[in-house]
């Protein structure tokens, strides 16, 4: 699941319904973004990724260090998925991310 930065500490030491300790992984936001969008709402964060069949779609903002660190951390957490990073500047300029822009349909 996704949690915002201020909420991270609330989850440290927390457990799930089976009393297993939660593992909290922090994905640092990029220090600079490539965007040419003038927006106070620009959402430059990696936690709004999307899991799909066999893959993970991850934002890419043009900060080589932060983009790589996020990809590497998620590859470690999801070793069997192909991770693809894409430019989401247009979505991020409106305050959203990849997961916000998708509408999953469960198999019935």
Protein backbone atom coordinates (compact mmCIF):
# COMPACT_ATOMS: atom_id res chain seq x y z
CA UNK A 1 0.00 0.00 0.00
CA UNK A 2 0.91 3.66 -0.18
CA UNK A 3 1.46 6.03 2.73
CA UNK A 4 2.37 9.68 2.72
CA UNK A 5 5.61 10.89 4.32
CA UNK A 6 4.03 12.26 7.50
CA UNK A 7 2.26 8.94 8.11
CA UNK A 8 5.38 6.76 7.90
CA UNK A 9 6.18 6.92 11.61
CA UNK A 10 2.69 5.73 12.49
CA UNK A 11 3.45 2.47 10.69
CA UNK A 12 6.84 1.77 12.24
CA UNK A 13 6.29 -0.96 14.80
CA UNK A 14 2.73 -1.62 13.60
CA UNK A 15 1.52 -5.13 12.78
CA UNK A 16 -0.94 -6.64 10.34
CA UNK A 17 -4.04 -8.69 11.23
CA UNK A 18 -1.84 -11.74 11.84
CA UNK A 19 0.45 -9.79 14.19
CA UNK A 20 3.34 -9.65 11.71
CA UNK A 21 5.46 -6.51 11.87
CA UNK A 22 5.04 -4.24 8.85
CA UNK A 23 8.09 -3.58 6.71
CA UNK A 24 8.28 0.15 5.96
CA UNK A 25 10.31 1.13 2.90
CA UNK A 26 10.81 4.83 2.22
CA UNK A 27 11.20 5.95 -1.39
CA UNK A 28 12.82 9.37 -1.36
CA UNK A 29 11.34 11.97 -3.71
CA UNK A 30 13.54 13.40 -6.47
CA UNK A 31 15.47 16.57 -5.66
CA UNK A 32 14.88 17.98 -9.12
CA UNK A 33 12.43 17.16 -11.88
CA UNK A 34 12.61 17.61 -15.60
CA UNK A 35 9.10 19.06 -15.87
CA UNK A 36 8.41 22.22 -17.81
CA UNK A 37 4.96 22.42 -16.26
CA UNK A 38 4.32 25.44 -14.06
CA UNK A 39 2.34 23.83 -11.26
CA UNK A 40 2.24 24.16 -7.49
CA UNK A 41 0.49 20.78 -7.45
CA UNK A 42 3.29 18.82 -9.18
CA UNK A 43 3.41 15.41 -7.45
CA UNK A 44 6.98 14.14 -7.76
CA UNK A 45 6.96 10.91 -5.79
CA UNK A 46 7.50 7.25 -6.51
CA UNK A 47 4.92 5.65 -4.20
CA UNK A 48 2.15 6.09 -6.76
CA UNK A 49 3.37 3.19 -8.92
CA UNK A 50 1.10 0.66 -10.59
CA UNK A 51 1.30 -3.13 -10.33
CA UNK A 52 0.16 -4.96 -13.45
CA UNK A 53 0.44 -8.52 -14.73
CA UNK A 54 4.10 -9.41 -14.28
CA UNK A 55 5.21 -5.81 -14.11
CA UNK A 56 5.42 -2.57 -12.20
CA UNK A 57 5.04 0.84 -13.84
CA UNK A 58 7.06 3.46 -12.00
CA UNK A 59 7.33 7.24 -12.49
CA UNK A 60 10.55 8.70 -13.84
CA UNK A 61 11.23 12.39 -13.20
CA UNK A 62 14.68 12.98 -14.69
CA UNK A 63 16.65 12.86 -11.40
CA UNK A 64 19.05 10.04 -12.31
CA UNK A 65 19.97 9.22 -8.70
CA UNK A 66 16.44 9.25 -7.27
CA UNK A 67 14.92 7.50 -10.31
CA UNK A 68 17.51 4.70 -10.03
CA UNK A 69 17.19 4.40 -6.24
CA UNK A 70 13.41 4.02 -6.47
CA UNK A 71 13.69 1.44 -9.27
CA UNK A 72 16.35 -0.54 -7.37
CA UNK A 73 14.36 -0.55 -4.11
CA UNK A 74 11.19 -1.73 -5.83
CA UNK A 75 13.07 -4.35 -7.86
CA UNK A 76 14.31 -5.79 -4.57
CA UNK A 77 10.76 -5.85 -3.17
CA UNK A 78 9.24 -7.24 -6.38
CA UNK A 79 12.01 -9.44 -7.85
CA UNK A 80 9.70 -11.34 -10.22
CA UNK A 81 8.26 -8.24 -11.90
CA UNK A 82 9.61 -6.25 -14.83
CA UNK A 83 9.91 -2.61 -13.77
CA UNK A 84 9.33 0.04 -16.41
CA UNK A 85 9.82 3.74 -15.65
CA UNK A 86 7.90 6.31 -17.66
CA UNK A 87 7.69 10.08 -17.83
CA UNK A 88 4.45 11.11 -16.07
CA UNK A 89 5.08 14.87 -15.98
CA UNK A 90 1.65 15.66 -17.44
CA UNK A 91 -0.16 13.63 -14.79
CA UNK A 92 2.12 14.81 -11.96
CA UNK A 93 1.53 18.46 -12.93
CA UNK A 94 -2.11 17.96 -11.97
CA UNK A 95 -1.16 16.45 -8.61
CA UNK A 96 -1.60 12.82 -9.63
CA UNK A 97 0.39 9.74 -10.41
CA UNK A 98 0.22 6.48 -12.33
CA UNK A 99 -1.96 4.67 -9.80
CA UNK A 100 -4.35 7.66 -9.68
CA UNK A 101 -4.83 7.49 -13.45
CA UNK A 102 -5.62 3.78 -13.66
CA UNK A 103 -8.87 1.93 -13.12
CA UNK A 104 -8.20 -1.73 -12.38
CA UNK A 105 -10.92 -4.22 -13.24
CA UNK A 106 -10.90 -7.40 -11.17
CA UNK A 107 -11.33 -10.76 -12.88
CA UNK A 108 -14.82 -11.99 -12.05
